[in-house]
């Protein structure tokens, strides 16, 4: 089985990881044991959109105590 065939079989998983979870090409290729070049070309061929960037709120720091 070639890497392109393997990528075709795993298309739903690749879509979930890349588009929904925002995982990187290298993370997906290591997880699914697919060549990164084949994975990148398939994602571009399928025109899978990138995930929206996640913005996490930074908790505010407590203010220092006032001098007495």
C-alpha atoms as a PDB file:
ATOM      1  CA  UNK A   1       0.000   0.000   0.000  1.00  0.00           C
ATOM      2  CA  UNK A   2       1.429   3.372  -0.994  1.00  0.00           C
ATOM      3  CA  UNK A   3       1.338   6.443   1.206  1.00  0.00           C
ATOM      4  CA  UNK A   4      -1.254   8.083  -1.067  1.00  0.00           C
ATOM      5  CA  UNK A   5      -3.555   5.065  -0.767  1.00  0.00           C
ATOM      6  CA  UNK A   6      -3.130   5.067   3.004  1.00  0.00           C
ATOM      7  CA  UNK A   7      -3.962   8.777   3.112  1.00  0.00           C
ATOM      8  CA  UNK A   8      -7.110   8.142   1.043  1.00  0.00           C
ATOM      9  CA  UNK A   9      -8.253   5.482   3.518  1.00  0.00           C
ATOM     10  CA  UNK A  10      -7.614   7.796   6.470  1.00  0.00           C
ATOM     11  CA  UNK A  11      -9.223  10.915   4.953  1.00  0.00           C
ATOM     12  CA  UNK A  12     -11.888  11.307   7.716  1.00  0.00           C
ATOM     13  CA  UNK A  13      -9.238  11.077  10.444  1.00  0.00           C
ATOM     14  CA  UNK A  14      -6.939  13.505   8.628  1.00  0.00           C
ATOM     15  CA  UNK A  15      -9.814  15.963   8.142  1.00  0.00           C
ATOM     16  CA  UNK A  16     -10.725  15.766  11.826  1.00  0.00           C
ATOM     17  CA  UNK A  17      -7.166  16.277  13.022  1.00  0.00           C
ATOM     18  CA  UNK A  18      -6.261  19.067  10.591  1.00  0.00           C
ATOM     19  CA  UNK A  19      -9.475  21.030  10.149  1.00  0.00           C
ATOM     20  CA  UNK A  20     -11.259  20.521  13.473  1.00  0.00           C
ATOM     21  CA  UNK A  21      -8.409  20.105  15.960  1.00  0.00           C
ATOM     22  CA  UNK A  22      -5.793  22.258  14.225  1.00  0.00           C
ATOM     23  CA  UNK A  23      -3.011  19.664  14.378  1.00  0.00           C
ATOM     24  CA  UNK A  24       0.154  20.183  12.329  1.00  0.00           C
ATOM     25  CA  UNK A  25       1.275  18.166   9.307  1.00  0.00           C
ATOM     26  CA  UNK A  26       4.147  16.658  11.271  1.00  0.00           C
ATOM     27  CA  UNK A  27       1.886  15.625  14.174  1.00  0.00           C
ATOM     28  CA  UNK A  28      -0.601  13.925  11.836  1.00  0.00           C
ATOM     29  CA  UNK A  29       2.112  12.202   9.812  1.00  0.00           C
ATOM     30  CA  UNK A  30       3.744  10.785  12.949  1.00  0.00           C
ATOM     31  CA  UNK A  31       0.419   9.725  14.466  1.00  0.00           C
ATOM     32  CA  UNK A  32      -0.873   7.960  11.343  1.00  0.00           C
ATOM     33  CA  UNK A  33       2.548   6.843  10.064  1.00  0.00           C
ATOM     34  CA  UNK A  34       2.199   8.614   6.703  1.00  0.00           C
ATOM     35  CA  UNK A  35       4.926  10.382   4.750  1.00  0.00           C
ATOM     36  CA  UNK A  36       4.609  14.120   5.417  1.00  0.00           C
ATOM     37  CA  UNK A  37       5.021  15.037   1.747  1.00  0.00           C
ATOM     38  CA  UNK A  38       2.187  12.692   0.714  1.00  0.00           C
ATOM     39  CA  UNK A  39       0.019  14.000   3.543  1.00  0.00           C
ATOM     40  CA  UNK A  40       0.622  17.636   2.601  1.00  0.00           C
ATOM     41  CA  UNK A  41      -0.160  17.033  -1.061  1.00  0.00           C
ATOM     42  CA  UNK A  42      -3.393  15.177  -0.198  1.00  0.00           C
ATOM     43  CA  UNK A  43      -4.576  17.914   2.184  1.00  0.00           C
ATOM     44  CA  UNK A  44      -3.969  20.522  -0.523  1.00  0.00           C
ATOM     45  CA  UNK A  45      -5.621  18.314  -3.162  1.00  0.00           C
ATOM     46  CA  UNK A  46      -8.728  17.877  -0.968  1.00  0.00           C
ATOM     47  CA  UNK A  47      -8.697  21.618  -0.165  1.00  0.00           C
ATOM     48  CA  UNK A  48      -9.242  20.995   3.537  1.00  0.00           C
ATOM     49  CA  UNK A  49      -9.500  24.352   5.341  1.00  0.00           C
ATOM     50  CA  UNK A  50      -7.198  25.129   8.226  1.00  0.00           C
ATOM     51  CA  UNK A  51      -8.658  25.199  11.704  1.00  0.00           C
ATOM     52  CA  UNK A  52      -9.608  28.517  13.208  1.00  0.00           C
ATOM     53  CA  UNK A  53      -6.924  29.795  15.578  1.00  0.00           C
ATOM     54  CA  UNK A  54      -7.849  29.290  19.190  1.00  0.00           C
ATOM     55  CA  UNK A  55      -7.563  32.256  21.415  1.00  0.00           C
ATOM     56  CA  UNK A  56      -7.156  31.412  25.049  1.00  0.00           C
ATOM     57  CA  UNK A  57      -7.731  34.082  27.616  1.00  0.00           C
ATOM     58  CA  UNK A  58      -4.815  34.828  29.841  1.00  0.00           C
ATOM     59  CA  UNK A  59      -5.869  34.947  33.456  1.00  0.00           C
ATOM     60  CA  UNK A  60      -5.333  38.304  35.040  1.00  0.00           C
ATOM     61  CA  UNK A  61      -2.683  38.518  37.699  1.00  0.00           C
ATOM     62  CA  UNK A  62      -3.748  39.583  41.163  1.00  0.00           C
ATOM     63  CA  UNK A  63      -2.759  43.133  41.949  1.00  0.00           C
ATOM     64  CA  UNK A  64      -0.009  43.593  44.556  1.00  0.00           C
ATOM     65  CA  UNK A  65      -1.184  44.513  48.049  1.00  0.00           C
ATOM     66  CA  UNK A  66      -1.315  48.203  48.862  1.00  0.00           C
ATOM     67  CA  UNK A  67       1.233  49.472  51.394  1.00  0.00           C
ATOM     68  CA  UNK A  68      -0.265  50.282  54.781  1.00  0.00           C
END
